[in-house]
Amino acid sequence: DVWHTLMKRGMTADFSWNKSAAEYLDLYRQL
């Protein structure tokens, strides 16, 4: 049950460049 939770969480995580770029923009704006 723990392993399946980890697998699902990893497979549904958003690792896209769009998400990363948005996070960088937020960081730069905060700075």
Full PDB file with SEQRES, HELIX, SHEET, SSBOND, CRYST1, ORIGX, SCALE, CONECT and MASTER records, all heavy atoms in Angstrom:
SEQRES   1 A   31  ASP VAL TRP HIS THR LEU MET LYS ARG GLY MET THR ALA          
SEQRES   2 A   31  ASP PHE SER TRP ASN LYS SER ALA ALA GLU TYR LEU ASP          
SEQRES   3 A   31  LEU TYR ARG GLN LEU                                          
HELIX    1 AA1 VAL A    2  THR A   12  1                                  11    
HELIX    2 AA2 TRP A   17  GLN A   30  1                                  14    
CRYST1    1.000    1.000    1.000  90.00  90.00  90.00 P 1           1          
ORIGX1      1.000000  0.000000  0.000000        0.00000                         
ORIGX2      0.000000  1.000000  0.000000        0.00000                         
ORIGX3      0.000000  0.000000  1.000000        0.00000                         
SCALE1      1.000000  0.000000  0.000000        0.00000                         
SCALE2      0.000000  1.000000  0.000000        0.00000                         
SCALE3      0.000000  0.000000  1.000000        0.00000                         
ATOM      1  N   ASP A   1       0.828  -1.209   0.000  1.00  0.00           N  
ATOM      2  CA  ASP A   1       0.000   0.000   0.000  1.00  0.00           C  
ATOM      3  C   ASP A   1       0.862   1.259   0.000  1.00  0.00           C  
ATOM      4  O   ASP A   1       0.591   2.223  -0.716  1.00  0.00           O  
ATOM      5  CB  ASP A   1      -0.978   0.009   1.176  1.00  0.00           C  
ATOM      6  CG  ASP A   1      -0.278  -0.129   2.524  1.00  0.00           C  
ATOM      7  OD1 ASP A   1       0.789  -0.773   2.603  1.00  0.00           O  
ATOM      8  OD2 ASP A   1      -0.807   0.411   3.513  1.00  0.00           O  
ATOM      9  N   VAL A   2       1.938   1.247   0.771  1.00  0.00           N  
ATOM     10  CA  VAL A   2       2.863   2.386   0.817  1.00  0.00           C  
ATOM     11  C   VAL A   2       3.560   2.542  -0.528  1.00  0.00           C  
ATOM     12  O   VAL A   2       3.671   3.642  -1.067  1.00  0.00           O  
ATOM     13  CB  VAL A   2       3.898   2.210   1.955  1.00  0.00           C  
ATOM     14  CG1 VAL A   2       4.968   3.282   1.899  1.00  0.00           C  
ATOM     15  CG2 VAL A   2       3.205   2.193   3.309  1.00  0.00           C  
ATOM     16  N   TRP A   3       4.008   1.433  -1.103  1.00  0.00           N  
ATOM     17  CA  TRP A   3       4.719   1.471  -2.379  1.00  0.00           C  
ATOM     18  C   TRP A   3       3.815   1.992  -3.497  1.00  0.00           C  
ATOM     19  O   TRP A   3       4.225   2.810  -4.303  1.00  0.00           O  
ATOM     20  CB  TRP A   3       5.255   0.085  -2.724  1.00  0.00           C  
ATOM     21  CG  TRP A   3       6.198   0.111  -3.876  1.00  0.00           C  
ATOM     22  CD1 TRP A   3       5.968  -0.355  -5.136  1.00  0.00           C  
ATOM     23  CD2 TRP A   3       7.522   0.658  -3.890  1.00  0.00           C  
ATOM     24  NE1 TRP A   3       7.069  -0.148  -5.926  1.00  0.00           N  
ATOM     25  CE2 TRP A   3       8.042   0.472  -5.182  1.00  0.00           C  
ATOM     26  CE3 TRP A   3       8.322   1.273  -2.929  1.00  0.00           C  
ATOM     27  CZ2 TRP A   3       9.310   0.885  -5.544  1.00  0.00           C  
ATOM     28  CZ3 TRP A   3       9.598   1.682  -3.289  1.00  0.00           C  
ATOM     29  CH2 TRP A   3      10.077   1.484  -4.576  1.00  0.00           C  
ATOM     30  N   HIS A   4       2.579   1.541  -3.524  1.00  0.00           N  
ATOM     31  CA  HIS A   4       1.646   2.007  -4.551  1.00  0.00           C  
ATOM     32  C   HIS A   4       1.360   3.492  -4.399  1.00  0.00           C  
ATOM     33  O   HIS A   4       1.248   4.204  -5.405  1.00  0.00           O  
ATOM     34  CB  HIS A   4       0.362   1.184  -4.515  1.00  0.00           C  
ATOM     35  CG  HIS A   4       0.543  -0.191  -5.067  1.00  0.00           C  
ATOM     36  ND1 HIS A   4      -0.471  -1.124  -5.114  1.00  0.00           N  
ATOM     37  CD2 HIS A   4       1.620  -0.822  -5.589  1.00  0.00           C  
ATOM     38  CE1 HIS A   4      -0.028  -2.232  -5.642  1.00  0.00           C  
ATOM     39  NE2 HIS A   4       1.246  -2.079  -5.934  1.00  0.00           N  
ATOM     40  N   THR A   5       1.270   3.973  -3.168  1.00  0.00           N  
ATOM     41  CA  THR A   5       1.083   5.410  -2.938  1.00  0.00           C  
ATOM     42  C   THR A   5       2.264   6.194  -3.492  1.00  0.00           C  
ATOM     43  O   THR A   5       2.095   7.209  -4.169  1.00  0.00           O  
ATOM     44  CB  THR A   5       0.904   5.701  -1.437  1.00  0.00           C  
ATOM     45  OG1 THR A   5      -0.260   5.024  -0.970  1.00  0.00           O  
ATOM     46  CG2 THR A   5       0.771   7.187  -1.169  1.00  0.00           C  
ATOM     47  N   LEU A   6       3.478   5.728  -3.217  1.00  0.00           N  
ATOM     48  CA  LEU A   6       4.678   6.382  -3.744  1.00  0.00           C  
ATOM     49  C   LEU A   6       4.706   6.372  -5.275  1.00  0.00           C  
ATOM     50  O   LEU A   6       5.021   7.384  -5.903  1.00  0.00           O  
ATOM     51  CB  LEU A   6       5.935   5.684  -3.226  1.00  0.00           C  
ATOM     52  CG  LEU A   6       6.459   6.107  -1.873  1.00  0.00           C  
ATOM     53  CD1 LEU A   6       7.588   5.186  -1.434  1.00  0.00           C  
ATOM     54  CD2 LEU A   6       6.926   7.539  -1.902  1.00  0.00           C  
ATOM     55  N   MET A   7       4.354   5.238  -5.859  1.00  0.00           N  
ATOM     56  CA  MET A   7       4.359   5.142  -7.318  1.00  0.00           C  
ATOM     57  C   MET A   7       3.351   6.113  -7.931  1.00  0.00           C  
ATOM     58  O   MET A   7       3.671   6.834  -8.883  1.00  0.00           O  
ATOM     59  CB  MET A   7       4.042   3.718  -7.769  1.00  0.00           C  
ATOM     60  CG  MET A   7       5.179   2.752  -7.580  1.00  0.00           C  
ATOM     61  SD  MET A   7       4.937   1.155  -8.429  1.00  0.00           S  
ATOM     62  CE  MET A   7       3.330   0.650  -7.885  1.00  0.00           C  
ATOM     63  N   LYS A   8       2.142   6.142  -7.392  1.00  0.00           N  
ATOM     64  CA  LYS A   8       1.112   7.036  -7.924  1.00  0.00           C  
ATOM     65  C   LYS A   8       1.532   8.490  -7.770  1.00  0.00           C  
ATOM     66  O   LYS A   8       1.348   9.299  -8.678  1.00  0.00           O  
ATOM     67  CB  LYS A   8      -0.221   6.796  -7.217  1.00  0.00           C  
ATOM     68  CG  LYS A   8      -0.884   5.511  -7.630  1.00  0.00           C  
ATOM     69  CD  LYS A   8      -2.177   5.307  -6.866  1.00  0.00           C  
ATOM     70  CE  LYS A   8      -2.773   3.951  -7.171  1.00  0.00           C  
ATOM     71  NZ  LYS A   8      -3.985   3.705  -6.366  1.00  0.00           N  
ATOM     72  N   ARG A   9       2.088   8.825  -6.611  1.00  0.00           N  
ATOM     73  CA  ARG A   9       2.533  10.200  -6.367  1.00  0.00           C  
ATOM     74  C   ARG A   9       3.626  10.597  -7.356  1.00  0.00           C  
ATOM     75  O   ARG A   9       3.610  11.693  -7.914  1.00  0.00           O  
ATOM     76  CB  ARG A   9       3.037  10.323  -4.932  1.00  0.00           C  
ATOM     77  CG  ARG A   9       3.100  11.738  -4.443  1.00  0.00           C  
ATOM     78  CD  ARG A   9       3.591  11.816  -3.014  1.00  0.00           C  
ATOM     79  NE  ARG A   9       2.666  11.164  -2.103  1.00  0.00           N  
ATOM     80  CZ  ARG A   9       3.051  10.531  -0.989  1.00  0.00           C  
ATOM     81  NH1 ARG A   9       4.317  10.455  -0.663  1.00  0.00           N  
ATOM     82  NH2 ARG A   9       2.170   9.988  -0.200  1.00  0.00           N  
ATOM     83  N   GLY A  10       4.545   9.702  -7.618  1.00  0.00           N  
ATOM     84  CA  GLY A  10       5.617   9.996  -8.563  1.00  0.00           C  
ATOM     85  C   GLY A  10       5.129  10.103  -9.997  1.00  0.00           C  
ATOM     86  O   GLY A  10       5.582  10.958 -10.754  1.00  0.00           O  
ATOM     87  N   MET A  11       4.177   9.275 -10.357  1.00  0.00           N  
ATOM     88  CA  MET A  11       3.681   9.278 -11.730  1.00  0.00           C  
ATOM     89  C   MET A  11       2.752  10.454 -12.020  1.00  0.00           C  
ATOM     90  O   MET A  11       2.563  10.815 -13.179  1.00  0.00           O  
ATOM     91  CB  MET A  11       2.970   7.960 -12.035  1.00  0.00           C  
ATOM     92  CG  MET A  11       3.947   6.796 -12.165  1.00  0.00           C  
ATOM     93  SD  MET A  11       3.175   5.264 -12.735  1.00  0.00           S  
ATOM     94  CE  MET A  11       2.327   4.724 -11.267  1.00  0.00           C  
ATOM     95  N   THR A  12       2.174  11.035 -10.974  1.00  0.00           N  
ATOM     96  CA  THR A  12       1.268  12.162 -11.201  1.00  0.00           C  
ATOM     97  C   THR A  12       1.934  13.512 -10.937  1.00  0.00           C  
ATOM     98  O   THR A  12       1.313  14.547 -11.140  1.00  0.00           O  
ATOM     99  CB  THR A  12       0.004  12.046 -10.319  1.00  0.00           C  
ATOM    100  OG1 THR A  12       0.390  12.005  -8.947  1.00  0.00           O  
ATOM    101  CG2 THR A  12      -0.800  10.802 -10.671  1.00  0.00           C  
ATOM    102  N   ALA A  13       3.175  13.502 -10.511  1.00  0.00           N  
ATOM    103  CA  ALA A  13       3.900  14.759 -10.264  1.00  0.00           C  
ATOM    104  C   ALA A  13       4.168  15.476 -11.581  1.00  0.00           C  
ATOM    105  O   ALA A  13       4.403  14.841 -12.609  1.00  0.00           O  
ATOM    106  CB  ALA A  13       5.209  14.481  -9.532  1.00  0.00           C  
ATOM    107  N   ASP A  14       4.112  16.787 -11.530  1.00  0.00           N  
ATOM    108  CA  ASP A  14       4.339  17.604 -12.722  1.00  0.00           C  
ATOM    109  C   ASP A  14       5.806  18.030 -12.769  1.00  0.00           C  
ATOM    110  O   ASP A  14       6.233  18.902 -12.023  1.00  0.00           O  
ATOM    111  CB  ASP A  14       3.425  18.830 -12.694  1.00  0.00           C  
ATOM    112  CG  ASP A  14       3.525  19.676 -13.940  1.00  0.00           C  
ATOM    113  OD1 ASP A  14       4.343  19.358 -14.834  1.00  0.00           O  
ATOM    114  OD2 ASP A  14       2.783  20.671 -14.034  1.00  0.00           O  
ATOM    115  N   PHE A  15       6.578  17.408 -13.645  1.00  0.00           N  
ATOM    116  CA  PHE A  15       7.986  17.732 -13.816  1.00  0.00           C  
ATOM    117  C   PHE A  15       8.225  18.517 -15.109  1.00  0.00           C  
ATOM    118  O   PHE A  15       9.338  18.580 -15.611  1.00  0.00           O  
ATOM    119  CB  PHE A  15       8.835  16.452 -13.840  1.00  0.00           C  
ATOM    120  CG  PHE A  15       8.811  15.696 -12.546  1.00  0.00           C  
ATOM    121  CD1 PHE A  15       8.117  14.502 -12.446  1.00  0.00           C  
ATOM    122  CD2 PHE A  15       9.470  16.168 -11.427  1.00  0.00           C  
ATOM    123  CE1 PHE A  15       8.082  13.790 -11.261  1.00  0.00           C  
ATOM    124  CE2 PHE A  15       9.446  15.472 -10.235  1.00  0.00           C  
ATOM    125  CZ  PHE A  15       8.753  14.274 -10.158  1.00  0.00           C  
ATOM    126  N   SER A  16       7.163  19.118 -15.637  1.00  0.00           N  
ATOM    127  CA  SER A  16       7.260  19.800 -16.925  1.00  0.00           C  
ATOM    128  C   SER A  16       8.078  21.086 -16.822  1.00  0.00           C  
ATOM    129  O   SER A  16       8.223  21.684 -15.751  1.00  0.00           O  
ATOM    130  CB  SER A  16       5.866  20.146 -17.443  1.00  0.00           C  
ATOM    131  OG  SER A  16       5.291  21.177 -16.656  1.00  0.00           O  
ATOM    132  N   TRP A  17       8.601  21.526 -17.976  1.00  0.00           N  
ATOM    133  CA  TRP A  17       9.337  22.787 -18.032  1.00  0.00           C  
ATOM    134  C   TRP A  17       8.410  23.961 -17.744  1.00  0.00           C  
ATOM    135  O   TRP A  17       8.835  24.961 -17.175  1.00  0.00           O  
ATOM    136  CB  TRP A  17      10.010  22.959 -19.391  1.00  0.00           C  
ATOM    137  CG  TRP A  17      11.288  22.176 -19.473  1.00  0.00           C  
ATOM    138  CD1 TRP A  17      11.527  21.085 -20.235  1.00  0.00           C  
ATOM    139  CD2 TRP A  17      12.490  22.415 -18.734  1.00  0.00           C  
ATOM    140  NE1 TRP A  17      12.799  20.625 -20.028  1.00  0.00           N  
ATOM    141  CE2 TRP A  17      13.422  21.431 -19.106  1.00  0.00           C  
ATOM    142  CE3 TRP A  17      12.879  23.360 -17.781  1.00  0.00           C  
ATOM    143  CZ2 TRP A  17      14.700  21.367 -18.576  1.00  0.00           C  
ATOM    144  CZ3 TRP A  17      14.163  23.294 -17.259  1.00  0.00           C  
ATOM    145  CH2 TRP A  17      15.048  22.303 -17.662  1.00  0.00           C  
ATOM    146  N   ASN A  18       7.143  23.851 -18.140  1.00  0.00           N  
ATOM    147  CA  ASN A  18       6.201  24.943 -17.857  1.00  0.00           C  
ATOM    148  C   ASN A  18       6.077  25.184 -16.355  1.00  0.00           C  
ATOM    149  O   ASN A  18       6.085  26.323 -15.895  1.00  0.00           O  
ATOM    150  CB  ASN A  18       4.821  24.647 -18.460  1.00  0.00           C  
ATOM    151  CG  ASN A  18       4.813  24.766 -19.964  1.00  0.00           C  
ATOM    152  OD1 ASN A  18       5.635  25.464 -20.540  1.00  0.00           O  
ATOM    153  ND2 ASN A  18       3.890  24.071 -20.603  1.00  0.00           N  
ATOM    154  N   LYS A  19       5.964  24.121 -15.600  1.00  0.00           N  
ATOM    155  CA  LYS A  19       5.851  24.260 -14.144  1.00  0.00           C  
ATOM    156  C   LYS A  19       7.152  24.809 -13.563  1.00  0.00           C  
ATOM    157  O   LYS A  19       7.137  25.716 -12.731  1.00  0.00           O  
ATOM    158  CB  LYS A  19       5.507  22.925 -13.502  1.00  0.00           C  
ATOM    159  CG  LYS A  19       5.320  23.018 -11.991  1.00  0.00           C  
ATOM    160  CD  LYS A  19       4.885  21.692 -11.420  1.00  0.00           C  
ATOM    161  CE  LYS A  19       4.575  21.742  -9.963  1.00  0.00           C  
ATOM    162  NZ  LYS A  19       5.669  22.096  -9.093  1.00  0.00           N  
ATOM    163  N   SER A  20       8.275  24.262 -13.987  1.00  0.00           N  
ATOM    164  CA  SER A  20       9.566  24.731 -13.480  1.00  0.00           C  
ATOM    165  C   SER A  20       9.790  26.197 -13.816  1.00  0.00           C  
ATOM    166  O   SER A  20      10.241  26.979 -12.974  1.00  0.00           O  
ATOM    167  CB  SER A  20      10.701  23.897 -14.060  1.00  0.00           C  
ATOM    168  OG  SER A  20      10.594  22.560 -13.650  1.00  0.00           O  
ATOM    169  N   ALA A  21       9.480  26.579 -15.044  1.00  0.00           N  
ATOM    170  CA  ALA A  21       9.661  27.970 -15.464  1.00  0.00           C  
ATOM    171  C   ALA A  21       8.784  28.898 -14.634  1.00  0.00           C  
ATOM    172  O   ALA A  21       9.239  29.969 -14.214  1.00  0.00           O  
ATOM    173  CB  ALA A  21       9.337  28.123 -16.949  1.00  0.00           C  
ATOM    174  N   ALA A  22       7.552  28.499 -14.366  1.00  0.00           N  
ATOM    175  CA  ALA A  22       6.657  29.325 -13.555  1.00  0.00           C  
ATOM    176  C   ALA A  22       7.204  29.484 -12.134  1.00  0.00           C  
ATOM    177  O   ALA A  22       7.135  30.575 -11.547  1.00  0.00           O  
ATOM    178  CB  ALA A  22       5.259  28.710 -13.525  1.00  0.00           C  
ATOM    179  N   GLU A  23       7.775  28.426 -11.583  1.00  0.00           N  
ATOM    180  CA  GLU A  23       8.352  28.507 -10.238  1.00  0.00           C  
ATOM    181  C   GLU A  23       9.565  29.442 -10.223  1.00  0.00           C  
ATOM    182  O   GLU A  23       9.750  30.203  -9.270  1.00  0.00           O  
ATOM    183  CB  GLU A  23       8.722  27.119  -9.733  1.00  0.00           C  
ATOM    184  CG  GLU A  23       7.501  26.270  -9.423  1.00  0.00           C  
ATOM    185  CD  GLU A  23       7.840  24.850  -9.031  1.00  0.00           C  
ATOM    186  OE1 GLU A  23       9.047  24.486  -8.985  1.00  0.00           O  
ATOM    187  OE2 GLU A  23       6.900  24.086  -8.777  1.00  0.00           O  
ATOM    188  N   TYR A  24      10.395  29.386 -11.257  1.00  0.00           N  
ATOM    189  CA  TYR A  24      11.532  30.305 -11.347  1.00  0.00           C  
ATOM    190  C   TYR A  24      11.063  31.746 -11.470  1.00  0.00           C  
ATOM    191  O   TYR A  24      11.604  32.647 -10.829  1.00  0.00           O  
ATOM    192  CB  TYR A  24      12.450  29.948 -12.524  1.00  0.00           C  
ATOM    193  CG  TYR A  24      13.464  28.881 -12.181  1.00  0.00           C  
ATOM    194  CD1 TYR A  24      13.396  27.621 -12.749  1.00  0.00           C  
ATOM    195  CD2 TYR A  24      14.499  29.140 -11.287  1.00  0.00           C  
ATOM    196  CE1 TYR A  24      14.325  26.641 -12.434  1.00  0.00           C  
ATOM    197  CE2 TYR A  24      15.433  28.172 -10.970  1.00  0.00           C  
ATOM    198  CZ  TYR A  24      15.344  26.926 -11.549  1.00  0.00           C  
ATOM    199  OH  TYR A  24      16.259  25.971 -11.229  1.00  0.00           O  
ATOM    200  N   LEU A  25      10.049  31.979 -12.293  1.00  0.00           N  
ATOM    201  CA  LEU A  25       9.517  33.343 -12.428  1.00  0.00           C  
ATOM    202  C   LEU A  25       9.003  33.866 -11.096  1.00  0.00           C  
ATOM    203  O   LEU A  25       9.263  35.023 -10.734  1.00  0.00           O  
ATOM    204  CB  LEU A  25       8.399  33.377 -13.472  1.00  0.00           C  
ATOM    205  CG  LEU A  25       8.847  33.388 -14.915  1.00  0.00           C  
ATOM    206  CD1 LEU A  25       7.642  33.252 -15.841  1.00  0.00           C  
ATOM    207  CD2 LEU A  25       9.619  34.658 -15.235  1.00  0.00           C  
ATOM    208  N   ASP A  26       8.299  33.033 -10.357  1.00  0.00           N  
ATOM    209  CA  ASP A  26       7.819  33.436  -9.029  1.00  0.00           C  
ATOM    210  C   ASP A  26       8.984  33.778  -8.112  1.00  0.00           C  
ATOM    211  O   ASP A  26       8.945  34.777  -7.397  1.00  0.00           O  
ATOM    212  CB  ASP A  26       6.973  32.331  -8.392  1.00  0.00           C  
ATOM    213  CG  ASP A  26       5.613  32.175  -9.051  1.00  0.00           C  
ATOM    214  OD1 ASP A  26       5.169  33.114  -9.754  1.00  0.00           O  
ATOM    215  OD2 ASP A  26       4.990  31.120  -8.851  1.00  0.00           O  
ATOM    216  N   LEU A  27      10.014  32.945  -8.132  1.00  0.00           N  
ATOM    217  CA  LEU A  27      11.189  33.200  -7.310  1.00  0.00           C  
ATOM    218  C   LEU A  27      11.853  34.518  -7.679  1.00  0.00           C  
ATOM    219  O   LEU A  27      12.168  35.354  -6.805  1.00  0.00           O  
ATOM    220  CB  LEU A  27      12.194  32.058  -7.449  1.00  0.00           C  
ATOM    221  CG  LEU A  27      13.537  32.228  -6.738  1.00  0.00           C  
ATOM    222  CD1 LEU A  27      13.337  32.307  -5.234  1.00  0.00           C  
ATOM    223  CD2 LEU A  27      14.475  31.106  -7.111  1.00  0.00           C  
ATOM    224  N   TYR A  28      12.060  34.757  -8.972  1.00  0.00           N  
ATOM    225  CA  TYR A  28      12.699  35.991  -9.420  1.00  0.00           C  
ATOM    226  C   TYR A  28      11.854  37.214  -9.042  1.00  0.00           C  
ATOM    227  O   TYR A  28      12.386  38.244  -8.636  1.00  0.00           O  
ATOM    228  CB  TYR A  28      12.952  35.961 -10.916  1.00  0.00           C  
ATOM    229  CG  TYR A  28      13.915  34.881 -11.357  1.00  0.00           C  
ATOM    230  CD1 TYR A  28      13.794  34.280 -12.594  1.00  0.00           C  
ATOM    231  CD2 TYR A  28      14.951  34.454 -10.519  1.00  0.00           C  
ATOM    232  CE1 TYR A  28      14.683  33.286 -13.006  1.00  0.00           C  
ATOM    233  CE2 TYR A  28      15.834  33.478 -10.927  1.00  0.00           C  
ATOM    234  CZ  TYR A  28      15.704  32.882 -12.153  1.00  0.00           C  
ATOM    235  OH  TYR A  28      16.570  31.909 -12.551  1.00  0.00           O  
ATOM    236  N   ARG A  29      10.541  37.095  -9.171  1.00  0.00           N  
ATOM    237  CA  ARG A  29       9.652  38.200  -8.792  1.00  0.00           C  
ATOM    238  C   ARG A  29       9.763  38.509  -7.295  1.00  0.00           C  
ATOM    239  O   ARG A  29       9.774  39.656  -6.889  1.00  0.00           O  
ATOM    240  CB  ARG A  29       8.221  37.896  -9.193  1.00  0.00           C  
ATOM    241  CG  ARG A  29       8.000  38.000 -10.677  1.00  0.00           C  
ATOM    242  CD  ARG A  29       6.547  37.775 -11.061  1.00  0.00           C  
ATOM    243  NE  ARG A  29       6.382  37.870 -12.499  1.00  0.00           N  
ATOM    244  CZ  ARG A  29       5.850  36.916 -13.271  1.00  0.00           C  
ATOM    245  NH1 ARG A  29       5.401  35.800 -12.718  1.00  0.00           N  
ATOM    246  NH2 ARG A  29       5.762  37.090 -14.567  1.00  0.00           N  
ATOM    247  N   GLN A  30       9.847  37.445  -6.489  1.00  0.00           N  
ATOM    248  CA  GLN A  30       9.991  37.639  -5.042  1.00  0.00           C  
ATOM    249  C   GLN A  30      11.306  38.344  -4.726  1.00  0.00           C  
ATOM    250  O   GLN A  30      11.377  39.191  -3.840  1.00  0.00           O  
ATOM    251  CB  GLN A  30       9.930  36.310  -4.311  1.00  0.00           C  
ATOM    252  CG  GLN A  30       8.555  35.675  -4.289  1.00  0.00           C  
ATOM    253  CD  GLN A  30       8.593  34.285  -3.654  1.00  0.00           C  
ATOM    254  OE1 GLN A  30       9.490  33.978  -2.865  1.00  0.00           O  
ATOM    255  NE2 GLN A  30       7.627  33.461  -3.997  1.00  0.00           N  
ATOM    256  N   LEU A  31      12.354  37.985  -5.428  1.00  0.00           N  
ATOM    257  CA  LEU A  31      13.662  38.599  -5.190  1.00  0.00           C  
ATOM    258  C   LEU A  31      13.685  40.080  -5.572  1.00  0.00           C  
ATOM    259  O   LEU A  31      14.433  40.866  -4.985  1.00  0.00           O  
ATOM    260  CB  LEU A  31      14.756  37.847  -5.962  1.00  0.00           C  
ATOM    261  CG  LEU A  31      15.044  36.423  -5.494  1.00  0.00           C  
ATOM    262  CD1 LEU A  31      15.992  35.724  -6.449  1.00  0.00           C  
ATOM    263  CD2 LEU A  31      15.615  36.420  -4.082  1.00  0.00           C  
TER     264      LEU A  31                                                      
MASTER        0    0    0    2    0    0    0    6  263    1    0    3          
END                                                                             
